[in-house]
Amino acid sequence: MLNDPDDPYNASIFQLIFNTTPRTDSGQAVTDRLQDIFQALVLMQHVNHELRGNFRYHCDNDRLGGSSRWQLKRDPENPPSNYIPQAQRPMFPDTINGQYQEWVDRDNQIQMGPNRGCQDPGVLAQTYDAGPVWVQYPGYPQAMIEATTTICDLAFDVLHPTVVFITHTHALVEMNIDRFTMTTSFVILHQFTNFPPWRLDNIELPRDNERRGAPWQNVIAIGDTFRSLQNADSLAYFALIARLKDLNYFFGENQEWTREGRMFWQSSHMIG
């Protein structure tokens, strides 16, 4: 879609998500950011051992303790008088004393924040920004780690493998776009944009504008080019719509249906 910005359908999608048009200065900034991220994704290379990679994916559900990579942070030898040992702290942030267990990824030298990644309910994947850090393992060259992503067990339980799987399995004339967000590829792309140097996030909408359970409607409700560029889902939806176009799924001419996320197989390519 970026290669043909003058196509009316492509331009209308660009406008809807990023609140600008491709041929403007702000539109060019959006295009540059998208191309930068997609090009980096294309250039990623698999390495023959995870200890050589600077972006790492884990599928261990962020298990804590035992023999897992996540271990409690060591207590200082001479702690202050008000210090609570890590093992005695609550798992989640305590609003009373503000202290909670601090967990460190011993493989990647990353500290977990106040959330618990895959251990939090409803989490499909979690990205951890390393900083970056340099680590040395016996028998391996020094490696710079920039970020890690954990794909949670829940993702494997509820996600469909690919967009093509959904379209071929159900073969429906009409589908809602949010159905396609429940694919492994969408989740991984979303997490990839959390990596440095982009560090995209989830833009929070005012409570009265937020539509729970309707992420597509939240994306197009942002209504600001700069904020949309900081939103991981905005980029992921743009890529998803481009993939669906290849599979002959389009938004139709009814603007209200488009805002609801209703897509049609071989429908008109124009948004009214």
Protein backbone atom coordinates (compact mmCIF):
# COMPACT_ATOMS: atom_id res chain seq x y z
CA MET A 1 0.00 0.00 0.00
CA LEU A 2 2.92 2.33 0.61
CA ASN A 3 4.14 1.71 -2.94
CA ASP A 4 0.95 3.13 -4.44
CA PRO A 5 -0.06 6.11 -2.26
CA ASP A 6 -2.26 7.63 -4.99
CA ASP A 7 -4.57 4.61 -5.10
CA PRO A 8 -7.87 5.93 -3.65
CA TYR A 9 -8.36 2.94 -1.35
CA ASN A 10 -4.79 3.07 -0.04
CA ALA A 11 -5.01 6.82 0.54
CA SER A 12 -8.32 6.49 2.37
CA ILE A 13 -6.92 3.86 4.75
CA PHE A 14 -3.83 6.01 5.35
CA GLN A 15 -6.06 8.99 6.16
CA LEU A 16 -8.33 6.98 8.45
CA ILE A 17 -5.53 5.55 10.57
CA PHE A 18 -2.98 8.36 10.57
CA ASN A 19 -5.20 11.42 10.10
CA THR A 20 -3.19 12.73 7.16
CA THR A 21 -2.64 12.02 3.47
CA PRO A 22 0.47 10.43 1.94
CA ARG A 23 1.48 13.46 -0.17
CA THR A 24 1.72 15.92 2.74
CA ASP A 25 4.79 16.55 4.90
CA SER A 26 3.18 14.78 7.84
CA GLY A 27 2.16 11.95 5.53
CA GLN A 28 5.74 11.59 4.33
CA ALA A 29 6.88 11.36 7.96
CA VAL A 30 4.38 8.54 8.51
CA THR A 31 5.56 6.78 5.34
CA ASP A 32 9.21 7.08 6.40
CA ARG A 33 8.44 5.59 9.81
CA LEU A 34 6.45 2.70 8.33
CA GLN A 35 9.13 1.92 5.76
CA ASP A 36 11.82 2.06 8.43
CA ILE A 37 10.02 -0.49 10.60
CA PHE A 38 9.01 -2.80 7.77
CA GLN A 39 12.51 -2.73 6.30
CA ALA A 40 14.01 -3.63 9.68
CA LEU A 41 11.58 -6.53 9.90
CA VAL A 42 12.64 -7.77 6.46
CA LEU A 43 16.33 -7.51 7.34
CA MET A 44 16.07 -9.47 10.59
CA GLN A 45 18.17 -12.62 10.44
CA HIS A 46 17.93 -15.84 12.37
CA VAL A 47 21.07 -16.76 14.31
CA ASN A 48 22.22 -20.28 15.06
CA HIS A 49 21.89 -19.83 18.81
CA GLU A 50 19.70 -17.52 20.87
CA LEU A 51 22.71 -16.32 22.85
CA ARG A 52 23.98 -14.60 19.70
CA GLY A 53 20.79 -12.61 19.06
CA ASN A 54 20.12 -9.04 20.12
CA PHE A 55 16.33 -9.40 19.78
CA ARG A 56 15.07 -12.53 21.46
CA TYR A 57 11.75 -14.34 21.61
CA HIS A 58 10.82 -16.63 24.49
CA CYS A 59 7.90 -19.02 24.86
CA ASP A 60 8.31 -19.86 28.56
CA ASN A 61 5.25 -17.89 29.77
CA ASP A 62 7.52 -15.72 31.94
CA ARG A 63 7.73 -18.43 34.59
CA LEU A 64 9.14 -17.08 37.83
CA GLY A 65 11.65 -18.74 40.16
CA GLY A 66 12.86 -22.31 40.23
CA SER A 67 15.16 -23.04 37.30
CA SER A 68 13.57 -20.39 35.06
CA ARG A 69 15.43 -17.38 33.67
CA TRP A 70 13.41 -15.01 35.90
CA GLN A 71 14.93 -14.93 39.39
CA LEU A 72 14.33 -12.69 42.37
CA LYS A 73 16.75 -9.79 42.57
CA ARG A 74 19.40 -10.37 45.17
CA ASP A 75 19.00 -8.54 48.46
CA PRO A 76 21.80 -6.09 49.32
CA GLU A 77 24.35 -7.18 51.89
CA ASN A 78 23.74 -4.10 54.02
CA PRO A 79 20.14 -3.03 53.41
CA PRO A 80 18.61 0.10 54.95
CA SER A 81 16.46 -0.34 58.05
CA ASN A 82 13.19 -0.06 56.14
CA TYR A 83 14.20 -2.61 53.51
CA ILE A 84 11.91 -5.62 53.03
CA PRO A 85 13.63 -8.76 51.70
CA GLN A 86 12.55 -9.71 48.20
CA ALA A 87 11.08 -13.07 49.25
CA GLN A 88 8.85 -11.34 51.83
CA ARG A 89 7.45 -8.74 49.45
CA PRO A 90 4.11 -9.08 47.66
CA MET A 91 4.17 -10.36 44.08
CA PHE A 92 2.40 -7.26 42.78
CA PRO A 93 2.95 -3.59 43.73
CA ASP A 94 1.81 -2.81 47.27
CA THR A 95 -0.02 0.50 47.55
CA ILE A 96 0.81 0.68 51.25
CA ASN A 97 4.61 0.54 51.29
CA GLY A 98 5.29 0.77 47.55
CA GLN A 99 7.58 -2.26 47.53
CA TYR A 100 7.10 -5.41 45.50
CA GLN A 101 9.13 -8.34 44.30
CA GLU A 102 11.76 -7.43 41.72
CA TRP A 103 12.55 -10.11 39.15
CA VAL A 104 15.63 -10.20 36.93
CA ASP A 105 16.05 -12.16 33.69
CA ARG A 106 19.40 -13.85 34.36
CA ASP A 107 19.85 -14.79 30.69
CA ASN A 108 19.27 -11.32 29.26
CA GLN A 109 20.08 -9.05 32.22
CA ILE A 110 16.67 -7.35 32.08
CA GLN A 111 14.66 -6.35 35.13
CA MET A 112 10.92 -6.88 35.12
CA GLY A 113 8.81 -3.84 35.93
CA PRO A 114 5.78 -3.72 38.23
CA ASN A 115 3.73 -5.78 35.78
CA ARG A 116 4.29 -9.51 35.57
CA GLY A 117 4.21 -10.08 31.82
CA CYS A 118 2.56 -13.38 30.98
CA GLN A 119 1.71 -13.88 34.65
CA ASP A 120 -0.76 -10.99 34.42
CA PRO A 121 -4.26 -12.11 33.39
CA GLY A 122 -5.22 -11.72 29.73
CA VAL A 123 -1.71 -10.98 28.41
CA LEU A 124 -0.87 -12.51 25.02
CA ALA A 125 2.72 -11.25 24.76
CA GLN A 126 5.11 -8.95 26.61
CA THR A 127 8.14 -7.03 25.36
CA TYR A 128 10.98 -6.03 27.69
CA ASP A 129 13.27 -3.17 26.69
CA ALA A 130 16.84 -3.97 27.66
CA GLY A 131 18.37 -0.60 27.27
CA PRO A 132 20.57 -2.07 25.54
CA VAL A 133 22.90 -4.23 27.63
CA TRP A 134 26.03 -6.18 26.77
CA VAL A 135 26.23 -9.73 28.09
CA GLN A 136 28.94 -12.36 27.96
CA TYR A 137 28.30 -16.10 28.08
CA PRO A 138 31.03 -18.74 28.32
CA GLY A 139 31.94 -19.96 24.86
CA TYR A 140 30.05 -17.19 23.03
CA PRO A 141 31.10 -13.76 21.81
CA GLN A 142 29.83 -10.74 23.69
CA ALA A 143 26.29 -9.90 22.56
CA MET A 144 24.27 -6.72 22.76
CA ILE A 145 20.68 -7.36 23.82
CA GLU A 146 18.20 -4.64 22.93
CA ALA A 147 14.86 -6.27 23.75
CA THR A 148 13.12 -9.56 24.40
CA THR A 149 9.53 -10.64 23.80
CA THR A 150 7.71 -13.43 25.54
CA ILE A 151 4.84 -15.07 23.65
CA CYS A 152 2.50 -16.20 26.42
CA ASP A 153 0.79 -19.57 26.73
CA LEU A 154 -2.54 -17.77 26.37
CA ALA A 155 -1.53 -16.71 22.86
CA PHE A 156 -1.09 -20.31 21.77
CA ASP A 157 -4.44 -21.20 23.32
CA VAL A 158 -6.55 -18.48 21.69
CA LEU A 159 -4.72 -17.21 18.60
CA HIS A 160 -5.14 -18.39 15.03
CA PRO A 161 -1.85 -19.08 13.24
CA THR A 162 -2.23 -16.74 10.25
CA VAL A 163 -4.58 -14.36 8.46
CA VAL A 164 -4.72 -16.81 5.55
CA PHE A 165 -5.85 -19.55 7.92
CA ILE A 166 -8.90 -17.50 8.93
CA THR A 167 -9.88 -16.51 5.40
CA HIS A 168 -9.44 -20.03 4.01
CA THR A 169 -11.07 -21.79 6.96
CA HIS A 170 -14.17 -19.61 7.23
CA ALA A 171 -14.42 -18.23 3.67
CA LEU A 172 -17.01 -15.65 4.70
CA VAL A 173 -18.15 -12.79 2.48
CA GLU A 174 -18.07 -10.43 5.47
CA MET A 175 -15.74 -10.39 8.47
CA ASN A 176 -14.90 -7.85 11.16
CA ILE A 177 -11.30 -6.69 11.05
CA ASP A 178 -10.84 -7.24 14.78
CA ARG A 179 -11.24 -10.96 14.14
CA PHE A 180 -7.90 -10.91 12.35
CA THR A 181 -6.11 -9.34 15.30
CA MET A 182 -6.33 -12.73 16.99
CA THR A 183 -3.49 -14.05 14.88
CA THR A 184 0.04 -14.81 15.94
CA SER A 185 1.42 -12.61 13.16
CA PHE A 186 -0.54 -9.54 14.33
CA VAL A 187 0.59 -9.99 17.94
CA ILE A 188 4.24 -10.47 16.95
CA LEU A 189 4.19 -7.40 14.69
CA HIS A 190 2.65 -5.34 17.49
CA GLN A 191 5.39 -6.49 19.85
CA PHE A 192 8.11 -5.87 17.25
CA THR A 193 7.18 -2.18 17.13
CA ASN A 194 7.78 -2.03 20.90
CA PHE A 195 11.47 -2.76 20.22
CA PRO A 196 14.03 0.05 20.16
CA PRO A 197 14.58 2.40 18.47
CA TRP A 198 10.82 2.85 17.84
CA ARG A 199 9.42 1.85 21.24
CA LEU A 200 5.82 2.28 20.16
CA ASP A 201 3.20 1.84 22.85
CA ASN A 202 -0.55 1.62 23.32
CA ILE A 203 -2.09 5.08 23.22
CA GLU A 204 -4.65 5.52 25.98
CA LEU A 205 -7.91 7.18 25.01
CA PRO A 206 -10.11 9.19 27.38
CA ARG A 207 -12.51 6.84 29.12
CA ASP A 208 -15.57 8.31 27.39
CA ASN A 209 -13.96 7.71 23.95
CA GLU A 210 -12.61 4.24 24.62
CA ARG A 211 -14.53 1.35 23.10
CA ARG A 212 -13.72 -1.76 25.06
CA GLY A 213 -13.43 -4.89 22.97
CA ALA A 214 -13.17 -2.84 19.76
CA PRO A 215 -9.48 -2.06 19.17
CA TRP A 216 -10.03 -0.97 15.53
CA GLN A 217 -12.44 1.72 16.67
CA ASN A 218 -9.92 2.86 19.26
CA VAL A 219 -7.18 3.15 16.61
CA ILE A 220 -9.22 5.40 14.32
CA ALA A 221 -10.48 7.42 17.29
CA ILE A 222 -6.97 8.70 18.10
CA GLY A 223 -7.41 11.42 15.48
CA ASP A 224 -3.86 12.80 15.65
CA THR A 225 -0.99 11.99 13.32
CA PHE A 226 1.81 12.20 15.88
CA ARG A 227 -0.03 10.11 18.49
CA SER A 228 -0.99 7.53 15.88
CA LEU A 229 2.69 7.20 14.98
CA GLN A 230 3.40 6.34 18.62
CA ASN A 231 0.68 3.68 18.70
CA ALA A 232 1.73 0.09 18.01
CA ASP A 233 -1.75 -0.98 16.94
CA SER A 234 -1.96 1.77 14.30
CA LEU A 235 0.99 0.31 12.42
CA ALA A 236 -0.18 -3.26 12.96
CA TYR A 237 -3.63 -2.50 11.57
CA PHE A 238 -2.16 -0.76 8.53
CA ALA A 239 -0.08 -3.86 7.79
CA LEU A 240 -3.08 -6.11 8.43
CA ILE A 241 -5.28 -4.16 5.99
CA ALA A 242 -2.56 -4.40 3.33
CA ARG A 243 -2.43 -8.17 3.81
CA LEU A 244 -6.22 -8.46 3.65
CA LYS A 245 -6.22 -6.45 0.43
CA ASP A 246 -3.96 -9.13 -1.07
CA LEU A 247 -6.63 -11.65 -0.04
CA ASN A 248 -9.43 -9.58 -1.62
CA TYR A 249 -10.94 -8.30 1.63
CA PHE A 250 -11.77 -4.60 1.58
CA PHE A 251 -13.74 -1.99 3.44
CA GLY A 252 -16.80 -0.92 1.49
CA GLU A 253 -18.32 2.44 0.65
CA ASN A 254 -20.42 2.72 3.82
CA GLN A 255 -18.39 4.91 6.15
CA GLU A 256 -20.22 3.77 9.28
CA TRP A 257 -19.57 0.12 8.45
CA THR A 258 -15.91 0.94 7.94
CA ARG A 259 -15.69 2.53 11.37
CA GLU A 260 -17.31 -0.57 12.79
CA GLY A 261 -14.58 -2.63 11.11
CA ARG A 262 -16.79 -4.52 8.66
CA MET A 263 -14.80 -5.90 5.71
CA PHE A 264 -16.09 -7.62 2.58
CA TRP A 265 -14.61 -10.08 0.14
CA GLN A 266 -14.07 -8.40 -3.26
CA SER A 267 -16.05 -5.37 -2.17
CA SER A 268 -15.64 -1.89 -3.60
CA HIS A 269 -12.23 -0.42 -2.87
CA MET A 270 -13.50 2.99 -1.86
CA ILE A 271 -14.47 4.34 1.53
CA GLY A 272 -17.40 6.70 1.30
